């Protein structure tokens, strides 16, 4: 259960970062809007996880011999990308209005691409989908709502470190899967 929660926090870091930026640009979101934004991000993450799991499950018989390497490469690559992007992004608070709903939905879909890959990996390593999906949806909802509130209160100062931490968590999870399957520390 602990690793599932860690995974959920790792994949929700992008949603948290985007929500901080949105909250920093628009400080007039009411509680209802904050909850709706959290729900949009949670739904996007859950759908991406389920689609990824379905694809990974269909390919399971063909890649069982190398699934741990795929998990390591995919999660490590996604994590490295998240860390790299957090280092390259600039802190801006240019006063632009918050994203309109279609843009926000596209941002939620964009941040859930990582979760699609995680779903495929979970199918390959035959991890239990239901608790993972529930954890990712719940944690993403809370993190997106919290990001909106933090952004509204403190601006974008936490956005970059959140993405880097999420990336490092995904790298650690991919490494742990590889080590477990290779039996290095068994």
N, C-alpha and C. Protein backbone atom coordinates (compact mmCIF):
# COMPACT_ATOMS: atom_id res chain seq x y z
N UNK A 1 0.83 -1.21 0.00
CA UNK A 1 0.00 0.00 0.00
C UNK A 1 0.86 1.25 0.00
N UNK A 2 1.99 1.20 0.73
CA UNK A 2 2.87 2.37 0.77
C UNK A 2 3.40 2.69 -0.61
N UNK A 3 3.85 1.67 -1.36
CA UNK A 3 4.39 1.93 -2.69
C UNK A 3 3.31 2.46 -3.63
N UNK A 4 2.06 2.01 -3.43
CA UNK A 4 0.96 2.53 -4.24
C UNK A 4 0.73 4.01 -3.97
N UNK A 5 0.78 4.40 -2.71
CA UNK A 5 0.62 5.83 -2.38
C UNK A 5 1.79 6.66 -2.89
N UNK A 6 2.99 6.12 -2.80
CA UNK A 6 4.16 6.83 -3.32
C UNK A 6 4.02 7.01 -4.82
N UNK A 7 3.59 5.96 -5.51
CA UNK A 7 3.36 6.06 -6.95
C UNK A 7 2.31 7.12 -7.25
N UNK A 8 1.22 7.11 -6.49
CA UNK A 8 0.15 8.09 -6.71
C UNK A 8 0.66 9.51 -6.53
N UNK A 9 1.47 9.75 -5.50
CA UNK A 9 2.04 11.08 -5.32
C UNK A 9 2.99 11.43 -6.45
N UNK A 10 3.75 10.44 -6.92
CA UNK A 10 4.68 10.69 -8.02
C UNK A 10 3.99 11.13 -9.29
N UNK A 11 2.91 10.43 -9.67
CA UNK A 11 2.23 10.79 -10.92
C UNK A 11 1.34 12.01 -10.77
N UNK A 12 0.99 12.38 -9.55
CA UNK A 12 0.15 13.56 -9.36
C UNK A 12 0.96 14.85 -9.28
N UNK A 13 2.28 14.74 -9.28
CA UNK A 13 3.12 15.94 -9.15
C UNK A 13 2.91 16.92 -10.29
N UNK A 14 2.73 16.42 -11.53
CA UNK A 14 2.48 17.32 -12.66
C UNK A 14 1.16 18.08 -12.48
N UNK A 15 0.13 17.37 -12.05
CA UNK A 15 -1.17 18.02 -11.82
C UNK A 15 -1.03 19.09 -10.72
N UNK A 16 -0.28 18.77 -9.69
CA UNK A 16 -0.03 19.71 -8.61
C UNK A 16 0.66 20.97 -9.14
N UNK A 17 1.68 20.75 -9.98
CA UNK A 17 2.44 21.86 -10.54
C UNK A 17 1.56 22.76 -11.42
N UNK A 18 0.78 22.13 -12.30
CA UNK A 18 -0.11 22.90 -13.17
C UNK A 18 -1.15 23.65 -12.35
N UNK A 19 -1.68 23.01 -11.32
CA UNK A 19 -2.69 23.65 -10.46
C UNK A 19 -2.09 24.83 -9.71
N UNK A 20 -0.85 24.72 -9.28
CA UNK A 20 -0.19 25.85 -8.61
C UNK A 20 -0.12 27.04 -9.56
N UNK A 21 0.33 26.76 -10.79
CA UNK A 21 0.42 27.84 -11.78
C UNK A 21 -0.93 28.47 -12.06
N UNK A 22 -1.96 27.65 -12.18
CA UNK A 22 -3.30 28.17 -12.44
C UNK A 22 -3.80 28.98 -11.24
N UNK A 23 -3.58 28.45 -10.04
CA UNK A 23 -4.00 29.16 -8.84
C UNK A 23 -3.26 30.48 -8.66
N UNK A 24 -1.99 30.51 -9.05
CA UNK A 24 -1.20 31.73 -8.91
C UNK A 24 -1.67 32.81 -9.88
N UNK A 25 -2.09 32.39 -11.07
CA UNK A 25 -2.54 33.36 -12.06
C UNK A 25 -3.95 33.87 -11.78
N UNK A 26 -4.77 33.04 -11.17
CA UNK A 26 -6.15 33.43 -10.92
C UNK A 26 -6.48 33.19 -9.46
N UNK A 27 -6.51 34.22 -8.71
CA UNK A 27 -6.73 34.09 -7.27
C UNK A 27 -8.21 34.14 -6.89
N UNK A 28 -9.09 34.14 -7.88
CA UNK A 28 -10.52 34.29 -7.59
C UNK A 28 -11.31 33.00 -7.77
N UNK A 29 -10.65 31.86 -7.81
CA UNK A 29 -11.37 30.60 -7.90
C UNK A 29 -12.08 30.33 -6.57
N UNK A 30 -13.37 30.06 -6.64
CA UNK A 30 -14.11 29.67 -5.45
C UNK A 30 -13.88 28.20 -5.14
N UNK A 31 -14.38 27.75 -4.02
CA UNK A 31 -14.20 26.37 -3.60
C UNK A 31 -14.78 25.39 -4.62
N UNK A 32 -15.94 25.72 -5.19
CA UNK A 32 -16.56 24.84 -6.18
C UNK A 32 -15.65 24.68 -7.39
N UNK A 33 -15.06 25.77 -7.87
CA UNK A 33 -14.16 25.69 -9.01
C UNK A 33 -12.90 24.90 -8.67
N UNK A 34 -12.37 25.09 -7.49
CA UNK A 34 -11.19 24.34 -7.06
C UNK A 34 -11.50 22.85 -7.06
N UNK A 35 -12.66 22.46 -6.52
CA UNK A 35 -13.04 21.05 -6.49
C UNK A 35 -13.27 20.49 -7.89
N UNK A 36 -13.87 21.27 -8.77
CA UNK A 36 -14.07 20.83 -10.16
C UNK A 36 -12.74 20.65 -10.88
N UNK A 37 -11.82 21.55 -10.65
CA UNK A 37 -10.49 21.43 -11.27
C UNK A 37 -9.79 20.18 -10.75
N UNK A 38 -9.89 19.92 -9.45
CA UNK A 38 -9.33 18.70 -8.88
C UNK A 38 -9.95 17.46 -9.52
N UNK A 39 -11.27 17.49 -9.73
CA UNK A 39 -11.97 16.35 -10.33
C UNK A 39 -11.54 16.14 -11.78
N UNK A 40 -11.31 17.21 -12.52
CA UNK A 40 -10.87 17.10 -13.91
C UNK A 40 -9.50 16.41 -13.96
N UNK A 41 -8.58 16.84 -13.12
CA UNK A 41 -7.26 16.22 -13.10
C UNK A 41 -7.33 14.77 -12.65
N UNK A 42 -8.14 14.47 -11.64
CA UNK A 42 -8.27 13.09 -11.16
C UNK A 42 -8.87 12.19 -12.23
N UNK A 43 -9.87 12.68 -12.94
CA UNK A 43 -10.50 11.89 -14.00
C UNK A 43 -9.51 11.62 -15.13
N UNK A 44 -8.75 12.62 -15.52
CA UNK A 44 -7.77 12.44 -16.60
C UNK A 44 -6.72 11.41 -16.20
N UNK A 45 -6.23 11.48 -14.98
CA UNK A 45 -5.22 10.52 -14.50
C UNK A 45 -5.80 9.10 -14.47
N UNK A 46 -7.03 8.94 -14.02
CA UNK A 46 -7.65 7.63 -13.91
C UNK A 46 -7.89 7.03 -15.29
N UNK A 47 -8.43 7.81 -16.20
CA UNK A 47 -8.67 7.30 -17.56
C UNK A 47 -7.35 6.92 -18.22
N UNK A 48 -6.33 7.74 -18.06
CA UNK A 48 -5.03 7.42 -18.64
C UNK A 48 -4.46 6.13 -18.06
N UNK A 49 -4.59 5.94 -16.75
CA UNK A 49 -4.12 4.72 -16.10
C UNK A 49 -4.84 3.50 -16.67
N UNK A 50 -6.16 3.58 -16.81
CA UNK A 50 -6.95 2.46 -17.31
C UNK A 50 -6.62 2.15 -18.77
N UNK A 51 -6.46 3.17 -19.58
CA UNK A 51 -6.08 2.95 -20.98
C UNK A 51 -4.69 2.32 -21.08
N UNK A 52 -3.75 2.83 -20.31
CA UNK A 52 -2.40 2.28 -20.31
C UNK A 52 -2.38 0.85 -19.83
N UNK A 53 -3.15 0.57 -18.78
CA UNK A 53 -3.21 -0.79 -18.25
C UNK A 53 -3.79 -1.75 -19.29
N UNK A 54 -4.84 -1.30 -19.98
CA UNK A 54 -5.46 -2.14 -21.01
C UNK A 54 -4.46 -2.48 -22.12
N UNK A 55 -3.74 -1.50 -22.57
CA UNK A 55 -2.73 -1.73 -23.60
C UNK A 55 -1.62 -2.64 -23.09
N UNK A 56 -1.14 -2.38 -21.89
CA UNK A 56 -0.08 -3.21 -21.31
C UNK A 56 -0.54 -4.63 -21.08
N UNK A 57 -1.79 -4.80 -20.64
CA UNK A 57 -2.34 -6.13 -20.40
C UNK A 57 -2.42 -6.93 -21.70
N UNK A 58 -2.82 -6.27 -22.78
CA UNK A 58 -2.93 -6.94 -24.08
C UNK A 58 -1.56 -7.40 -24.58
N UNK A 59 -0.52 -6.67 -24.24
CA UNK A 59 0.84 -6.99 -24.71
C UNK A 59 1.62 -7.85 -23.73
N UNK A 60 1.02 -8.22 -22.60
CA UNK A 60 1.72 -8.89 -21.51
C UNK A 60 2.44 -10.16 -21.95
N UNK A 61 1.80 -11.01 -22.70
CA UNK A 61 2.40 -12.30 -23.09
C UNK A 61 3.64 -12.11 -23.95
N UNK A 62 3.72 -11.00 -24.65
CA UNK A 62 4.83 -10.77 -25.57
C UNK A 62 6.05 -10.15 -24.91
N UNK A 63 5.87 -9.55 -23.77
CA UNK A 63 6.98 -8.82 -23.17
C UNK A 63 7.31 -9.25 -21.74
N UNK A 64 6.77 -10.39 -21.30
CA UNK A 64 6.96 -10.82 -19.91
C UNK A 64 8.44 -10.99 -19.55
N UNK A 65 9.26 -11.39 -20.50
CA UNK A 65 10.68 -11.62 -20.20
C UNK A 65 11.45 -10.34 -19.95
N UNK A 66 10.96 -9.23 -20.45
CA UNK A 66 11.68 -7.96 -20.30
C UNK A 66 10.87 -6.90 -19.59
N UNK A 67 9.77 -7.29 -18.94
CA UNK A 67 8.88 -6.30 -18.34
C UNK A 67 9.57 -5.43 -17.30
N UNK A 68 10.46 -6.00 -16.52
CA UNK A 68 11.14 -5.21 -15.49
C UNK A 68 12.06 -4.17 -16.12
N UNK A 69 12.67 -4.52 -17.25
CA UNK A 69 13.50 -3.53 -17.95
C UNK A 69 12.64 -2.43 -18.55
N UNK A 70 11.48 -2.81 -19.10
CA UNK A 70 10.56 -1.80 -19.64
C UNK A 70 10.09 -0.86 -18.54
N UNK A 71 9.74 -1.43 -17.39
CA UNK A 71 9.30 -0.59 -16.26
C UNK A 71 10.40 0.39 -15.87
N UNK A 72 11.62 -0.12 -15.78
CA UNK A 72 12.75 0.74 -15.41
C UNK A 72 12.96 1.85 -16.44
N UNK A 73 12.96 1.49 -17.72
CA UNK A 73 13.21 2.48 -18.77
C UNK A 73 12.07 3.50 -18.86
N UNK A 74 10.83 3.01 -18.83
CA UNK A 74 9.68 3.93 -18.97
C UNK A 74 9.58 4.86 -17.76
N UNK A 75 9.55 4.28 -16.56
CA UNK A 75 9.42 5.13 -15.36
C UNK A 75 10.66 6.01 -15.16
N UNK A 76 11.83 5.44 -15.41
CA UNK A 76 13.05 6.25 -15.29
C UNK A 76 13.08 7.37 -16.31
N UNK A 77 12.65 7.08 -17.54
CA UNK A 77 12.62 8.12 -18.58
C UNK A 77 11.62 9.21 -18.27
N UNK A 78 10.44 8.81 -17.84
CA UNK A 78 9.42 9.80 -17.47
C UNK A 78 9.92 10.65 -16.30
N UNK A 79 10.49 9.98 -15.30
CA UNK A 79 11.02 10.71 -14.15
C UNK A 79 12.12 11.68 -14.53
N UNK A 80 13.05 11.21 -15.37
CA UNK A 80 14.14 12.08 -15.83
C UNK A 80 13.59 13.28 -16.61
N UNK A 81 12.57 13.02 -17.44
CA UNK A 81 11.93 14.11 -18.19
C UNK A 81 11.31 15.14 -17.24
N UNK A 82 10.64 14.64 -16.20
CA UNK A 82 10.01 15.55 -15.24
C UNK A 82 11.07 16.38 -14.51
N UNK A 83 12.16 15.74 -14.11
CA UNK A 83 13.24 16.47 -13.43
C UNK A 83 13.84 17.50 -14.38
N UNK A 84 14.13 17.09 -15.61
CA UNK A 84 14.72 17.98 -16.61
C UNK A 84 13.83 19.19 -16.87
N UNK A 85 12.53 18.93 -17.06
CA UNK A 85 11.60 20.03 -17.32
C UNK A 85 11.49 20.97 -16.13
N UNK A 86 11.58 20.43 -14.92
CA UNK A 86 11.49 21.30 -13.75
C UNK A 86 12.72 22.18 -13.64
N UNK A 87 13.87 21.68 -14.11
CA UNK A 87 15.09 22.48 -14.08
C UNK A 87 15.09 23.55 -15.17
N UNK A 88 14.46 23.26 -16.30
CA UNK A 88 14.44 24.19 -17.43
C UNK A 88 13.33 25.22 -17.36
N UNK A 89 12.26 24.91 -16.64
CA UNK A 89 11.12 25.83 -16.63
C UNK A 89 11.50 27.10 -15.90
N UNK A 90 10.88 28.17 -16.32
CA UNK A 90 11.14 29.45 -15.67
C UNK A 90 9.99 29.80 -14.74
N UNK A 91 10.32 30.47 -13.67
CA UNK A 91 9.28 30.94 -12.76
C UNK A 91 8.68 32.21 -13.34
N UNK A 92 7.38 32.11 -13.69
CA UNK A 92 6.72 33.29 -14.23
C UNK A 92 5.41 33.50 -13.51
N UNK A 93 5.15 34.70 -13.21
CA UNK A 93 3.83 35.07 -12.75
C UNK A 93 3.50 36.36 -13.47
N UNK A 94 3.07 36.19 -14.73
CA UNK A 94 2.91 37.35 -15.59
C UNK A 94 1.53 37.98 -15.52
N UNK A 95 0.72 37.53 -14.59
CA UNK A 95 -0.58 38.15 -14.41
C UNK A 95 -1.63 37.76 -15.42
N UNK A 96 -1.33 36.79 -16.29
CA UNK A 96 -2.33 36.34 -17.25
C UNK A 96 -3.50 35.70 -16.52
N UNK A 97 -4.68 35.76 -17.09
CA UNK A 97 -5.82 35.12 -16.44
C UNK A 97 -5.66 33.60 -16.44
N UNK A 98 -6.39 32.96 -15.55
CA UNK A 98 -6.34 31.51 -15.45
C UNK A 98 -6.81 30.87 -16.75
N UNK A 99 -6.37 29.66 -16.95
CA UNK A 99 -6.75 28.93 -18.15
C UNK A 99 -8.26 28.74 -18.19
N UNK A 100 -8.82 28.85 -19.38
CA UNK A 100 -10.23 28.56 -19.55
C UNK A 100 -10.40 27.05 -19.50
N UNK A 101 -11.63 26.59 -19.32
CA UNK A 101 -11.87 25.16 -19.12
C UNK A 101 -11.31 24.28 -20.21
N UNK A 102 -11.50 24.57 -21.50
CA UNK A 102 -10.90 23.68 -22.51
C UNK A 102 -9.37 23.58 -22.37
N UNK A 103 -8.73 24.68 -22.07
CA UNK A 103 -7.29 24.68 -21.89
C UNK A 103 -6.92 23.88 -20.65
N UNK A 104 -7.70 24.02 -19.61
CA UNK A 104 -7.44 23.28 -18.38
C UNK A 104 -7.60 21.77 -18.60
N UNK A 105 -8.61 21.38 -19.36
CA UNK A 105 -8.81 19.96 -19.67
C UNK A 105 -7.63 19.44 -20.48
N UNK A 106 -7.16 20.21 -21.45
CA UNK A 106 -5.98 19.80 -22.22
C UNK A 106 -4.75 19.68 -21.32
N UNK A 107 -4.61 20.58 -20.36
CA UNK A 107 -3.50 20.48 -19.42
C UNK A 107 -3.62 19.21 -18.58
N UNK A 108 -4.83 18.87 -18.16
CA UNK A 108 -5.05 17.64 -17.39
C UNK A 108 -4.70 16.42 -18.21
N UNK A 109 -5.07 16.42 -19.48
CA UNK A 109 -4.72 15.30 -20.36
C UNK A 109 -3.21 15.24 -20.54
N UNK A 110 -2.59 16.39 -20.73
CA UNK A 110 -1.13 16.43 -20.90
C UNK A 110 -0.38 15.91 -19.68
N UNK A 111 -0.87 16.25 -18.51
CA UNK A 111 -0.18 15.78 -17.30
C UNK A 111 -0.45 14.31 -17.04
N UNK A 112 -1.45 13.73 -17.70
CA UNK A 112 -1.76 12.32 -17.45
C UNK A 112 -1.07 11.37 -18.40
N UNK A 113 -0.29 11.89 -19.34
CA UNK A 113 0.44 11.02 -20.26
C UNK A 113 1.39 10.11 -19.49
N UNK A 114 2.02 10.63 -18.47
CA UNK A 114 2.91 9.82 -17.64
C UNK A 114 2.14 8.67 -16.99
N UNK A 115 0.92 8.92 -16.58
CA UNK A 115 0.12 7.89 -15.92
C UNK A 115 -0.30 6.81 -16.91
N UNK A 116 -0.47 7.16 -18.18
CA UNK A 116 -0.74 6.17 -19.21
C UNK A 116 0.39 5.15 -19.25
N UNK A 117 1.62 5.64 -19.26
CA UNK A 117 2.78 4.74 -19.28
C UNK A 117 2.86 3.92 -18.00
N UNK A 118 2.53 4.54 -16.87
CA UNK A 118 2.53 3.82 -15.59
C UNK A 118 1.49 2.69 -15.63
N UNK A 119 0.32 2.95 -16.20
CA UNK A 119 -0.70 1.91 -16.33
C UNK A 119 -0.21 0.73 -17.15
N UNK A 120 0.49 1.01 -18.25
CA UNK A 120 1.03 -0.06 -19.08
C UNK A 120 2.04 -0.89 -18.29
N UNK A 121 2.87 -0.21 -17.53
CA UNK A 121 3.87 -0.91 -16.72
C UNK A 121 3.19 -1.76 -15.64
N UNK A 122 2.17 -1.22 -15.00
CA UNK A 122 1.47 -1.98 -13.96
C UNK A 122 0.87 -3.26 -14.52
N UNK A 123 0.38 -3.22 -15.74
CA UNK A 123 -0.15 -4.43 -16.35
C UNK A 123 0.95 -5.44 -16.61
N UNK A 124 2.11 -4.95 -17.01
CA UNK A 124 3.22 -5.84 -17.32
C UNK A 124 3.77 -6.53 -16.07
N UNK A 125 3.81 -5.81 -14.96
CA UNK A 125 4.31 -6.41 -13.72
C UNK A 125 3.18 -7.02 -12.91
N UNK A 126 1.99 -7.03 -13.49
CA UNK A 126 0.79 -7.63 -12.91
C UNK A 126 0.48 -7.11 -11.51
N UNK A 127 0.54 -5.81 -11.38
CA UNK A 127 0.16 -5.17 -10.13
C UNK A 127 -1.36 -5.02 -10.11
N UNK A 128 -1.96 -4.96 -8.92
CA UNK A 128 -3.41 -4.86 -8.77
C UNK A 128 -3.87 -3.46 -9.20
N UNK A 129 -4.78 -3.42 -10.15
CA UNK A 129 -5.20 -2.16 -10.76
C UNK A 129 -6.14 -1.33 -9.90
N UNK A 130 -7.13 -1.95 -9.28
CA UNK A 130 -8.18 -1.20 -8.59
C UNK A 130 -7.63 -0.33 -7.46
N UNK A 131 -6.85 -0.87 -6.52
CA UNK A 131 -6.34 0.00 -5.46
C UNK A 131 -5.44 1.12 -6.01
N UNK A 132 -4.69 0.79 -7.05
CA UNK A 132 -3.81 1.80 -7.66
C UNK A 132 -4.63 2.90 -8.31
N UNK A 133 -5.67 2.54 -9.04
CA UNK A 133 -6.53 3.54 -9.69
C UNK A 133 -7.21 4.43 -8.66
N UNK A 134 -7.70 3.83 -7.59
CA UNK A 134 -8.36 4.60 -6.53
C UNK A 134 -7.36 5.55 -5.86
N UNK A 135 -6.17 5.04 -5.58
CA UNK A 135 -5.15 5.87 -4.94
C UNK A 135 -4.73 7.03 -5.84
N UNK A 136 -4.51 6.75 -7.12
CA UNK A 136 -4.09 7.81 -8.05
C UNK A 136 -5.19 8.85 -8.20
N UNK A 137 -6.44 8.42 -8.33
CA UNK A 137 -7.54 9.37 -8.46
C UNK A 137 -7.67 10.23 -7.20
N UNK A 138 -7.64 9.60 -6.04
CA UNK A 138 -7.78 10.34 -4.79
C UNK A 138 -6.64 11.29 -4.53
N UNK A 139 -5.42 10.82 -4.70
CA UNK A 139 -4.25 11.66 -4.45
C UNK A 139 -4.19 12.80 -5.46
N UNK A 140 -4.49 12.51 -6.73
CA UNK A 140 -4.47 13.57 -7.75
C UNK A 140 -5.52 14.63 -7.44
N UNK A 141 -6.71 14.20 -7.05
CA UNK A 141 -7.76 15.15 -6.68
C UNK A 141 -7.28 16.08 -5.56
N UNK A 142 -6.75 15.47 -4.51
CA UNK A 142 -6.28 16.26 -3.36
C UNK A 142 -5.11 17.17 -3.77
N UNK A 143 -4.17 16.63 -4.53
CA UNK A 143 -2.99 17.41 -4.92
C UNK A 143 -3.37 18.58 -5.84
N UNK A 144 -4.30 18.35 -6.77
CA UNK A 144 -4.72 19.44 -7.66
C UNK A 144 -5.45 20.52 -6.88
N UNK A 145 -6.34 20.12 -5.98
CA UNK A 145 -7.03 21.11 -5.14
C UNK A 145 -6.03 21.87 -4.27
N UNK A 146 -5.14 21.13 -3.66
CA UNK A 146 -4.11 21.76 -2.82
C UNK A 146 -3.23 22.69 -3.65
N UNK A 147 -2.88 22.25 -4.86
CA UNK A 147 -2.08 23.09 -5.74
C UNK A 147 -2.77 24.41 -6.07
N UNK A 148 -4.07 24.34 -6.33
CA UNK A 148 -4.83 25.57 -6.60
C UNK A 148 -4.76 26.50 -5.39
N UNK A 149 -4.95 25.95 -4.20
CA UNK A 149 -4.94 26.77 -2.99
C UNK A 149 -3.55 27.31 -2.69
N UNK A 150 -2.53 26.47 -2.86
CA UNK A 150 -1.15 26.92 -2.63
C UNK A 150 -0.78 28.00 -3.64
N UNK A 151 -1.14 27.76 -4.90
CA UNK A 151 -0.83 28.75 -5.94
C UNK A 151 -1.51 30.07 -5.67
N UNK A 152 -2.73 29.99 -5.24
CA UNK A 152 -3.48 31.20 -4.92
C UNK A 152 -2.82 31.96 -3.78
N UNK A 153 -2.28 31.23 -2.81
CA UNK A 153 -1.70 31.86 -1.62
C UNK A 153 -0.24 32.25 -1.81
N UNK A 154 0.52 31.46 -2.50
CA UNK A 154 1.97 31.66 -2.49
C UNK A 154 2.60 31.84 -3.86
N UNK A 155 1.82 31.84 -4.93
CA UNK A 155 2.41 31.99 -6.25
C UNK A 155 3.03 30.70 -6.74
N UNK A 156 3.97 30.81 -7.62
CA UNK A 156 4.51 29.63 -8.29
C UNK A 156 5.82 29.13 -7.71
N UNK A 157 6.22 29.54 -6.54
CA UNK A 157 7.52 29.16 -5.98
C UNK A 157 7.69 27.66 -5.82
N UNK A 158 6.62 26.90 -5.54
CA UNK A 158 6.75 25.47 -5.31
C UNK A 158 6.61 24.63 -6.58
N UNK A 159 6.28 25.24 -7.69
CA UNK A 159 6.01 24.46 -8.89
C UNK A 159 7.18 23.65 -9.38
N UNK A 160 8.33 24.22 -9.51
CA UNK A 160 9.50 23.51 -10.03
C UNK A 160 9.95 22.38 -9.12
N UNK A 161 10.12 22.59 -7.82
CA UNK A 161 10.54 21.48 -6.97
C UNK A 161 9.54 20.33 -6.95
N UNK A 162 8.25 20.62 -7.04
CA UNK A 162 7.25 19.55 -7.03
C UNK A 162 7.44 18.63 -8.23
N UNK A 163 7.70 19.18 -9.40
CA UNK A 163 7.93 18.37 -10.59
C UNK A 163 9.19 17.54 -10.47
N UNK A 164 10.25 18.11 -9.91
CA UNK A 164 11.50 17.37 -9.73
C UNK A 164 11.33 16.23 -8.73
N UNK A 165 10.64 16.48 -7.63
CA UNK A 165 10.42 15.44 -6.63
C UNK A 165 9.58 14.32 -7.24
N UNK A 166 8.54 14.65 -7.97
CA UNK A 166 7.72 13.64 -8.63
C UNK A 166 8.55 12.80 -9.60
N UNK A 167 9.43 13.44 -10.34
CA UNK A 167 10.31 12.73 -11.27
C UNK A 167 11.26 11.79 -10.54
N UNK A 168 11.84 12.26 -9.45
CA UNK A 168 12.74 11.42 -8.67
C UNK A 168 12.01 10.22 -8.08
N UNK A 169 10.77 10.42 -7.67
CA UNK A 169 9.97 9.30 -7.14
C UNK A 169 9.74 8.25 -8.23
N UNK A 170 9.41 8.68 -9.44
CA UNK A 170 9.20 7.72 -10.52
C UNK A 170 10.49 6.98 -10.87
N UNK A 171 11.62 7.67 -10.85
CA UNK A 171 12.91 7.01 -11.09
C UNK A 171 13.17 5.96 -10.01
N UNK A 172 12.89 6.30 -8.77
CA UNK A 172 13.10 5.36 -7.66
C UNK A 172 12.19 4.14 -7.79
N UNK A 173 10.95 4.34 -8.20
CA UNK A 173 10.02 3.21 -8.36
C UNK A 173 10.49 2.30 -9.50
N UNK A 174 10.87 2.89 -10.62
CA UNK A 174 11.39 2.09 -11.74
C UNK A 174 12.63 1.31 -11.35
N UNK A 175 13.51 1.93 -10.59
CA UNK A 175 14.73 1.25 -10.11
C UNK A 175 14.38 0.11 -9.16
N UNK A 176 13.41 0.34 -8.28
CA UNK A 176 13.01 -0.70 -7.33
C UNK A 176 12.40 -1.90 -8.05
N UNK A 177 11.61 -1.67 -9.09
CA UNK A 177 11.05 -2.78 -9.87
C UNK A 177 12.16 -3.59 -10.52
N UNK A 178 13.12 -2.90 -11.11
CA UNK A 178 14.24 -3.59 -11.75
C UNK A 178 15.04 -4.41 -10.74
N UNK A 179 15.36 -3.82 -9.63
CA UNK A 179 16.14 -4.51 -8.59
C UNK A 179 15.37 -5.72 -8.05
N UNK A 180 14.08 -5.57 -7.83
CA UNK A 180 13.27 -6.68 -7.32
C UNK A 180 13.23 -7.84 -8.31
N UNK A 181 13.05 -7.54 -9.60
CA UNK A 181 12.96 -8.60 -10.59
C UNK A 181 14.31 -9.24 -10.90
N UNK A 182 15.37 -8.51 -10.75
CA UNK A 182 16.70 -9.08 -10.97
C UNK A 182 17.18 -9.86 -9.77
N UNK A 183 16.49 -9.67 -8.64
CA UNK A 183 16.86 -10.40 -7.41
C UNK A 183 18.15 -9.91 -6.78
N UNK A 184 18.53 -8.66 -7.04
CA UNK A 184 19.78 -8.12 -6.53
C UNK A 184 19.78 -8.08 -5.00
N UNK A 185 18.68 -7.65 -4.41
CA UNK A 185 18.61 -7.54 -2.94
C UNK A 185 17.56 -8.49 -2.37
N UNK A 186 17.31 -9.58 -3.04
CA UNK A 186 16.26 -10.50 -2.59
C UNK A 186 16.70 -11.34 -1.41
